[in-house]
PDB file of N, CA and C in Angstrom:
ATOM      1  N   MET A   1     -50.047  -6.515  31.711  1.00  0.00           N
ATOM      2  CA  MET A   1     -50.527  -6.107  30.005  1.00  0.00           C
ATOM      3  C   MET A   1     -50.219  -7.824  29.388  1.00  0.00           C
ATOM      4  N   ALA A   2     -51.115  -8.427  29.143  1.00  0.00           N
ATOM      5  CA  ALA A   2     -51.059  -9.600  28.052  1.00  0.00           C
ATOM      6  C   ALA A   2     -50.901  -9.478  26.752  1.00  0.00           C
ATOM      7  N   HIS A   3     -49.873 -10.102  25.948  1.00  0.00           N
ATOM      8  CA  HIS A   3     -48.923 -10.627  25.022  1.00  0.00           C
ATOM      9  C   HIS A   3     -49.222 -11.660  24.273  1.00  0.00           C
ATOM     10  N   HIS A   4     -49.752 -11.889  23.164  1.00  0.00           N
ATOM     11  CA  HIS A   4     -49.258 -12.735  22.520  1.00  0.00           C
ATOM     12  C   HIS A   4     -48.036 -13.252  22.000  1.00  0.00           C
ATOM     13  N   ILE A   5     -47.451 -14.866  22.081  1.00  0.00           N
ATOM     14  CA  ILE A   5     -46.150 -14.923  21.906  1.00  0.00           C
ATOM     15  C   ILE A   5     -46.538 -16.660  20.915  1.00  0.00           C
ATOM     16  N   PHE A   6     -45.701 -15.944  20.130  1.00  0.00           N
ATOM     17  CA  PHE A   6     -45.210 -16.788  18.338  1.00  0.00           C
ATOM     18  C   PHE A   6     -44.764 -17.657  18.355  1.00  0.00           C
ATOM     19  N   ALA A   7     -44.295 -18.694  19.909  1.00  0.00           N
ATOM     20  CA  ALA A   7     -43.174 -19.808  19.817  1.00  0.00           C
ATOM     21  C   ALA A   7     -43.989 -20.391  21.261  1.00  0.00           C
ATOM     22  N   GLU A   8     -43.393 -21.821  20.808  1.00  0.00           N
ATOM     23  CA  GLU A   8     -43.635 -22.489  21.822  1.00  0.00           C
ATOM     24  C   GLU A   8     -42.663 -22.546  22.773  1.00  0.00           C
ATOM     25  N   THR A   9     -41.231 -22.255  22.608  1.00  0.00           N
ATOM     26  CA  THR A   9     -40.706 -21.848  23.456  1.00  0.00           C
ATOM     27  C   THR A   9     -40.384 -20.795  23.573  1.00  0.00           C
ATOM     28  N   THR A  10     -40.263 -20.342  24.928  1.00  0.00           N
ATOM     29  CA  THR A  10     -39.823 -18.575  25.573  1.00  0.00           C
ATOM     30  C   THR A  10     -38.213 -18.952  26.381  1.00  0.00           C
ATOM     31  N   ALA A  11     -37.303 -18.009  26.449  1.00  0.00           N
ATOM     32  CA  ALA A  11     -36.243 -17.705  27.356  1.00  0.00           C
ATOM     33  C   ALA A  11     -36.071 -16.604  27.545  1.00  0.00           C
ATOM     34  N   SER A  12     -35.726 -15.941  28.515  1.00  0.00           N
ATOM     35  CA  SER A  12     -34.778 -14.828  28.892  1.00  0.00           C
ATOM     36  C   SER A  12     -34.011 -14.512  27.966  1.00  0.00           C
ATOM     37  N   VAL A  13     -33.837 -13.114  27.920  1.00  0.00           N
ATOM     38  CA  VAL A  13     -32.899 -12.028  27.254  1.00  0.00           C
ATOM     39  C   VAL A  13     -31.452 -12.823  28.580  1.00  0.00           C
ATOM     40  N   SER A  14     -31.531 -13.405  30.184  1.00  0.00           N
ATOM     41  CA  SER A  14     -30.703 -13.508  31.209  1.00  0.00           C
ATOM     42  C   SER A  14     -30.359 -14.572  30.031  1.00  0.00           C
ATOM     43  N   GLU A  15     -30.993 -15.763  29.600  1.00  0.00           N
ATOM     44  CA  GLU A  15     -30.536 -17.521  29.226  1.00  0.00           C
ATOM     45  C   GLU A  15     -30.233 -16.910  28.221  1.00  0.00           C
ATOM     46  N   LEU A  16     -30.515 -15.896  27.077  1.00  0.00           N
ATOM     47  CA  LEU A  16     -29.576 -16.239  25.959  1.00  0.00           C
ATOM     48  C   LEU A  16     -28.447 -15.231  26.037  1.00  0.00           C
ATOM     49  N   LYS A  17     -28.008 -14.631  27.141  1.00  0.00           N
ATOM     50  CA  LYS A  17     -26.690 -13.955  27.229  1.00  0.00           C
ATOM     51  C   LYS A  17     -25.786 -15.342  27.598  1.00  0.00           C
ATOM     52  N   LYS A  18     -26.338 -15.830  28.802  1.00  0.00           N
ATOM     53  CA  LYS A  18     -25.217 -17.423  28.974  1.00  0.00           C
ATOM     54  C   LYS A  18     -25.154 -18.247  27.963  1.00  0.00           C
ATOM     55  N   ASN A  19     -26.042 -18.798  27.515  1.00  0.00           N
ATOM     56  CA  ASN A  19     -25.816 -19.275  26.482  1.00  0.00           C
ATOM     57  C   ASN A  19     -26.381 -19.435  24.848  1.00  0.00           C
ATOM     58  N   PRO A  20     -25.807 -18.510  24.775  1.00  0.00           N
ATOM     59  CA  PRO A  20     -27.137 -18.389  23.230  1.00  0.00           C
ATOM     60  C   PRO A  20     -27.542 -19.574  22.256  1.00  0.00           C
ATOM     61  N   MET A  21     -26.798 -20.472  21.897  1.00  0.00           N
ATOM     62  CA  MET A  21     -26.484 -21.967  20.962  1.00  0.00           C
ATOM     63  C   MET A  21     -27.809 -23.006  21.999  1.00  0.00           C
ATOM     64  N   ALA A  22     -27.284 -22.827  23.578  1.00  0.00           N
ATOM     65  CA  ALA A  22     -28.745 -23.924  23.302  1.00  0.00           C
ATOM     66  C   ALA A  22     -30.041 -23.671  23.550  1.00  0.00           C
ATOM     67  N   THR A  23     -29.544 -21.596  24.068  1.00  0.00           N
ATOM     68  CA  THR A  23     -31.063 -20.892  23.733  1.00  0.00           C
ATOM     69  C   THR A  23     -31.550 -21.358  22.110  1.00  0.00           C
ATOM     70  N   VAL A  24     -30.847 -21.823  21.204  1.00  0.00           N
ATOM     71  CA  VAL A  24     -31.131 -21.820  20.014  1.00  0.00           C
ATOM     72  C   VAL A  24     -31.529 -23.356  19.692  1.00  0.00           C
ATOM     73  N   ALA A  25     -31.042 -24.049  20.575  1.00  0.00           N
ATOM     74  CA  ALA A  25     -31.300 -25.389  20.342  1.00  0.00           C
ATOM     75  C   ALA A  25     -32.601 -26.162  21.325  1.00  0.00           C
ATOM     76  N   ALA A  26     -32.637 -25.488  21.832  1.00  0.00           N
ATOM     77  CA  ALA A  26     -34.255 -25.271  23.544  1.00  0.00           C
ATOM     78  C   ALA A  26     -35.115 -25.524  22.239  1.00  0.00           C
ATOM     79  N   GLY A  27     -35.187 -24.711  21.286  1.00  0.00           N
ATOM     80  CA  GLY A  27     -35.712 -24.644  20.246  1.00  0.00           C
ATOM     81  C   GLY A  27     -36.190 -25.344  19.386  1.00  0.00           C
ATOM     82  N   GLU A  28     -35.230 -26.758  19.807  1.00  0.00           N
ATOM     83  CA  GLU A  28     -35.547 -27.937  18.581  1.00  0.00           C
ATOM     84  C   GLU A  28     -36.082 -27.053  17.023  1.00  0.00           C
ATOM     85  N   GLY A  29     -35.364 -26.371  16.538  1.00  0.00           N
ATOM     86  CA  GLY A  29     -35.185 -25.989  14.809  1.00  0.00           C
ATOM     87  C   GLY A  29     -36.794 -25.021  15.449  1.00  0.00           C
ATOM     88  N   ALA A  30     -37.358 -24.882  15.634  1.00  0.00           N
ATOM     89  CA  ALA A  30     -38.492 -23.759  15.622  1.00  0.00           C
ATOM     90  C   ALA A  30     -37.553 -22.701  16.586  1.00  0.00           C
ATOM     91  N   PRO A  31     -38.458 -21.290  16.109  1.00  0.00           N
ATOM     92  CA  PRO A  31     -38.634 -20.286  16.433  1.00  0.00           C
ATOM     93  C   PRO A  31     -38.263 -20.243  18.236  1.00  0.00           C
ATOM     94  N   VAL A  32     -37.427 -19.464  19.118  1.00  0.00           N
ATOM     95  CA  VAL A  32     -37.465 -19.300  20.125  1.00  0.00           C
ATOM     96  C   VAL A  32     -38.074 -17.736  20.585  1.00  0.00           C
ATOM     97  N   ALA A  33     -38.946 -17.062  21.699  1.00  0.00           N
ATOM     98  CA  ALA A  33     -39.429 -16.537  21.750  1.00  0.00           C
ATOM     99  C   ALA A  33     -38.304 -15.642  22.877  1.00  0.00           C
ATOM    100  N   ILE A  34     -37.966 -14.545  22.848  1.00  0.00           N
ATOM    101  CA  ILE A  34     -36.638 -14.068  23.626  1.00  0.00           C
ATOM    102  C   ILE A  34     -37.729 -13.123  24.634  1.00  0.00           C
ATOM    103  N   LEU A  35     -37.925 -13.236  25.882  1.00  0.00           N
ATOM    104  CA  LEU A  35     -38.631 -11.928  26.781  1.00  0.00           C
ATOM    105  C   LEU A  35     -38.067 -11.940  27.416  1.00  0.00           C
ATOM    106  N   ASN A  36     -38.079 -10.291  27.743  1.00  0.00           N
ATOM    107  CA  ASN A  36     -37.453  -8.916  28.518  1.00  0.00           C
ATOM    108  C   ASN A  36     -38.546  -8.979  29.330  1.00  0.00           C
ATOM    109  N   ARG A  37     -38.689  -8.895  30.606  1.00  0.00           N
ATOM    110  CA  ARG A  37     -39.537  -7.774  31.948  1.00  0.00           C
ATOM    111  C   ARG A  37     -41.130  -8.878  31.417  1.00  0.00           C
ATOM    112  N   ASN A  38     -40.830 -10.632  30.720  1.00  0.00           N
ATOM    113  CA  ASN A  38     -41.674 -11.356  30.088  1.00  0.00           C
ATOM    114  C   ASN A  38     -42.690 -11.087  29.248  1.00  0.00           C
ATOM    115  N   ALA A  39     -42.404  -9.929  28.805  1.00  0.00           N
ATOM    116  CA  ALA A  39     -42.408  -9.486  27.319  1.00  0.00           C
ATOM    117  C   ALA A  39     -41.740  -9.905  26.284  1.00  0.00           C
ATOM    118  N   PRO A  40     -42.131 -10.441  24.965  1.00  0.00           N
ATOM    119  CA  PRO A  40     -41.170 -11.040  23.779  1.00  0.00           C
ATOM    120  C   PRO A  40     -40.599  -9.700  23.607  1.00  0.00           C
ATOM    121  N   ALA A  41     -39.525  -9.963  23.404  1.00  0.00           N
ATOM    122  CA  ALA A  41     -38.281  -8.559  22.957  1.00  0.00           C
ATOM    123  C   ALA A  41     -38.652  -8.846  21.078  1.00  0.00           C
ATOM    124  N   PHE A  42     -37.838 -10.002  21.168  1.00  0.00           N
ATOM    125  CA  PHE A  42     -37.351 -10.623  19.592  1.00  0.00           C
ATOM    126  C   PHE A  42     -37.756 -12.086  19.721  1.00  0.00           C
ATOM    127  N   TYR A  43     -38.027 -12.572  18.329  1.00  0.00           N
ATOM    128  CA  TYR A  43     -38.368 -14.380  18.189  1.00  0.00           C
ATOM    129  C   TYR A  43     -36.380 -14.363  17.903  1.00  0.00           C
ATOM    130  N   CYS A  44     -35.876 -15.366  18.053  1.00  0.00           N
ATOM    131  CA  CYS A  44     -34.713 -16.740  17.714  1.00  0.00           C
ATOM    132  C   CYS A  44     -34.568 -17.167  16.837  1.00  0.00           C
ATOM    133  N   VAL A  45     -34.590 -17.591  15.371  1.00  0.00           N
ATOM    134  CA  VAL A  45     -34.648 -18.901  14.634  1.00  0.00           C
ATOM    135  C   VAL A  45     -33.424 -19.038  14.072  1.00  0.00           C
ATOM    136  N   PRO A  46     -33.362 -20.140  14.580  1.00  0.00           N
ATOM    137  CA  PRO A  46     -32.226 -20.924  13.534  1.00  0.00           C
ATOM    138  C   PRO A  46     -32.883 -20.693  11.757  1.00  0.00           C
ATOM    139  N   SER A  47     -31.010 -20.886  11.404  1.00  0.00           N
ATOM    140  CA  SER A  47     -31.056 -20.326  10.302  1.00  0.00           C
ATOM    141  C   SER A  47     -31.269 -20.487   8.705  1.00  0.00           C
ATOM    142  N   LYS A  48     -31.701 -21.460   9.345  1.00  0.00           N
ATOM    143  CA  LYS A  48     -32.762 -22.595   8.064  1.00  0.00           C
ATOM    144  C   LYS A  48     -34.140 -22.408   8.204  1.00  0.00           C
ATOM    145  N   VAL A  49     -34.771 -22.202   9.287  1.00  0.00           N
ATOM    146  CA  VAL A  49     -35.602 -21.093   8.869  1.00  0.00           C
ATOM    147  C   VAL A  49     -36.249 -19.684   8.805  1.00  0.00           C
ATOM    148  N   TYR A  50     -35.055 -19.648   9.286  1.00  0.00           N
ATOM    149  CA  TYR A  50     -35.333 -18.059   8.133  1.00  0.00           C
ATOM    150  C   TYR A  50     -35.274 -17.971   6.703  1.00  0.00           C
ATOM    151  N   GLU A  51     -33.788 -18.457   6.579  1.00  0.00           N
ATOM    152  CA  GLU A  51     -33.614 -18.771   4.918  1.00  0.00           C
ATOM    153  C   GLU A  51     -35.293 -19.401   4.422  1.00  0.00           C
ATOM    154  N   ALA A  52     -35.727 -20.677   4.983  1.00  0.00           N
ATOM    155  CA  ALA A  52     -37.202 -20.952   4.408  1.00  0.00           C
ATOM    156  C   ALA A  52     -38.537 -19.677   4.411  1.00  0.00           C
ATOM    157  N   MET A  53     -38.253 -18.765   5.309  1.00  0.00           N
ATOM    158  CA  MET A  53     -39.242 -17.570   5.516  1.00  0.00           C
ATOM    159  C   MET A  53     -39.094 -16.577   4.402  1.00  0.00           C
ATOM    160  N   LEU A  54     -37.569 -16.459   4.293  1.00  0.00           N
ATOM    161  CA  LEU A  54     -37.377 -15.456   3.119  1.00  0.00           C
ATOM    162  C   LEU A  54     -38.073 -15.767   1.566  1.00  0.00           C
ATOM    163  N   GLU A  55     -37.386 -17.186   1.460  1.00  0.00           N
ATOM    164  CA  GLU A  55     -38.421 -18.317   0.099  1.00  0.00           C
ATOM    165  C   GLU A  55     -39.741 -17.596   0.104  1.00  0.00           C
ATOM    166  N   ARG A  56     -39.997 -18.275   1.091  1.00  0.00           N
ATOM    167  CA  ARG A  56     -41.453 -17.821   0.966  1.00  0.00           C
ATOM    168  C   ARG A  56     -42.262 -16.582   0.834  1.00  0.00           C
ATOM    169  N   LEU A  57     -41.701 -15.842   1.508  1.00  0.00           N
ATOM    170  CA  LEU A  57     -41.917 -14.925   1.481  1.00  0.00           C
ATOM    171  C   LEU A  57     -42.212 -13.521  -0.113  1.00  0.00           C
ATOM    172  N   GLU A  58     -40.091 -14.299  -0.534  1.00  0.00           N
ATOM    173  CA  GLU A  58     -40.045 -14.072  -2.265  1.00  0.00           C
ATOM    174  C   GLU A  58     -40.925 -14.443  -2.998  1.00  0.00           C
ATOM    175  N   ASP A  59     -41.425 -15.991  -2.806  1.00  0.00           N
ATOM    176  CA  ASP A  59     -42.156 -17.061  -3.843  1.00  0.00           C
ATOM    177  C   ASP A  59     -43.693 -15.695  -3.571  1.00  0.00           C
ATOM    178  N   MET A  60     -43.951 -15.454  -2.601  1.00  0.00           N
ATOM    179  CA  MET A  60     -45.637 -14.664  -2.808  1.00  0.00           C
ATOM    180  C   MET A  60     -45.111 -13.062  -2.768  1.00  0.00           C
ATOM    181  N   GLU A  61     -44.117 -12.515  -3.209  1.00  0.00           N
ATOM    182  CA  GLU A  61     -43.988 -11.205  -3.731  1.00  0.00           C
ATOM    183  C   GLU A  61     -44.031 -11.978  -5.440  1.00  0.00           C
ATOM    184  N   LEU A  62     -43.546 -12.607  -5.743  1.00  0.00           N
ATOM    185  CA  LEU A  62     -43.694 -12.584  -7.497  1.00  0.00           C
ATOM    186  C   LEU A  62     -44.822 -13.389  -7.506  1.00  0.00           C
ATOM    187  N   ASN A  63     -45.623 -13.854  -7.014  1.00  0.00           N
ATOM    188  CA  ASN A  63     -47.407 -14.850  -7.154  1.00  0.00           C
ATOM    189  C   ASN A  63     -47.617 -13.455  -7.006  1.00  0.00           C
ATOM    190  N   ALA A  64     -48.221 -12.987  -6.543  1.00  0.00           N
ATOM    191  CA  ALA A  64     -48.578 -11.230  -6.766  1.00  0.00           C
ATOM    192  C   ALA A  64     -48.460 -10.351  -7.596  1.00  0.00           C
ATOM    193  N   ILE A  65     -46.753 -10.936  -8.233  1.00  0.00           N
ATOM    194  CA  ILE A  65     -46.939 -10.031  -9.198  1.00  0.00           C
ATOM    195  C   ILE A  65     -47.620 -10.506 -10.510  1.00  0.00           C
ATOM    196  N   ALA A  66     -46.832 -11.605 -10.661  1.00  0.00           N
ATOM    197  CA  ALA A  66     -47.963 -13.095 -11.994  1.00  0.00           C
ATOM    198  C   ALA A  66     -49.479 -11.914 -11.652  1.00  0.00           C
ATOM    199  N   ASP A  67     -49.684 -13.024 -10.245  1.00  0.00           N
ATOM    200  CA  ASP A  67     -51.396 -12.111 -10.103  1.00  0.00           C
ATOM    201  C   ASP A  67     -51.747 -10.891 -10.916  1.00  0.00           C
ATOM    202  N   ALA A  68     -51.139  -9.735 -11.078  1.00  0.00           N
ATOM    203  CA  ALA A  68     -51.223  -8.861 -11.222  1.00  0.00           C
ATOM    204  C   ALA A  68     -51.708  -8.617 -12.815  1.00  0.00           C
ATOM    205  N   ARG A  69     -50.395  -8.769 -13.174  1.00  0.00           N
ATOM    206  CA  ARG A  69     -49.859  -9.442 -14.409  1.00  0.00           C
ATOM    207  C   ARG A  69     -51.047 -10.012 -15.606  1.00  0.00           C
ATOM    208  N   ALA A  70     -51.682 -11.007 -14.772  1.00  0.00           N
ATOM    209  CA  ALA A  70     -52.642 -12.111 -15.335  1.00  0.00           C
ATOM    210  C   ALA A  70     -53.406 -11.461 -16.581  1.00  0.00           C
ATOM    211  N   GLY A  71     -53.284 -10.226 -16.604  1.00  0.00           N
ATOM    212  CA  GLY A  71     -54.870  -9.945 -17.317  1.00  0.00           C
ATOM    213  C   GLY A  71     -54.337  -9.390 -18.923  1.00  0.00           C
ATOM    214  N   GLN A  72     -52.589  -8.995 -18.450  1.00  0.00           N
ATOM    215  CA  GLN A  72     -52.191  -8.037 -19.316  1.00  0.00           C
ATOM    216  C   GLN A  72     -51.812  -8.402 -20.594  1.00  0.00           C
ATOM    217  N   ARG A  73     -51.526  -7.965 -22.077  1.00  0.00           N
ATOM    218  CA  ARG A  73     -51.332  -8.919 -23.231  1.00  0.00           C
ATOM    219  C   ARG A  73     -50.079  -9.322 -23.556  1.00  0.00           C
ATOM    220  N   VAL A  74     -49.996 -10.805 -23.961  1.00  0.00           N
ATOM    221  CA  VAL A  74     -48.614 -11.073 -24.217  1.00  0.00           C
ATOM    222  C   VAL A  74     -47.794 -10.849 -25.259  1.00  0.00           C
ATOM    223  N   THR A  75     -46.785 -10.612 -25.253  1.00  0.00           N
ATOM    224  CA  THR A  75     -46.098 -10.233 -26.688  1.00  0.00           C
ATOM    225  C   THR A  75     -45.120 -11.533 -26.117  1.00  0.00           C
ATOM    226  N   LYS A  76     -45.061 -11.862 -27.963  1.00  0.00           N
ATOM    227  CA  LYS A  76     -43.883 -12.728 -28.340  1.00  0.00           C
ATOM    228  C   LYS A  76     -42.775 -12.182 -28.820  1.00  0.00           C
ATOM    229  N   VAL A  77     -41.850 -12.745 -27.756  1.00  0.00           N
ATOM    230  CA  VAL A  77     -40.340 -11.802 -28.753  1.00  0.00           C
ATOM    231  C   VAL A  77     -39.561 -13.420 -29.192  1.00  0.00           C
ATOM    232  N   LYS A  78     -38.354 -13.505 -30.069  1.00  0.00           N
ATOM    233  CA  LYS A  78     -37.649 -14.091 -30.380  1.00  0.00           C
ATOM    234  C   LYS A  78     -36.167 -13.607 -29.613  1.00  0.00           C
ATOM    235  N   LEU A  79     -35.521 -14.820 -29.339  1.00  0.00           N
ATOM    236  CA  LEU A  79     -34.166 -14.329 -28.941  1.00  0.00           C
ATOM    237  C   LEU A  79     -33.351 -13.986 -29.665  1.00  0.00           C
ATOM    238  N   ASP A  80     -33.310 -14.191 -31.067  1.00  0.00           N
ATOM    239  CA  ASP A  80     -32.733 -13.689 -32.231  1.00  0.00           C
ATOM    240  C   ASP A  80     -32.852 -11.967 -31.585  1.00  0.00           C
ATOM    241  N   ASP A  81     -33.756 -11.192 -31.665  1.00  0.00           N
ATOM    242  CA  ASP A  81     -34.760 -10.200 -31.730  1.00  0.00           C
ATOM    243  C   ASP A  81     -33.576  -9.497 -30.626  1.00  0.00           C
ATOM    244  N   LEU A  82     -33.476 -10.021 -29.190  1.00  0.00           N
ATOM    245  CA  LEU A  82     -32.743  -9.158 -28.270  1.00  0.00           C
ATOM    246  C   LEU A  82     -31.348  -9.036 -28.446  1.00  0.00           C
TER     247      LEU A  82
END
């Protein structure tokens, strides 16, 4: 069975168990696909990449909210009224 692998670097679960930090370092800052029986089981991503992914997802969600509200009527308020 063919599998799509969305990483340039791969490692086996055994390699990950032997030396987790070396496995992460092998990706040189990019995700590493962890394979189990030659099929991707999960992706190991450095913390900076994971944080950037979460920030981008949050930005996309906020943009979707802004787009959904684009046609709504604007109500002006004063801070003193709050």
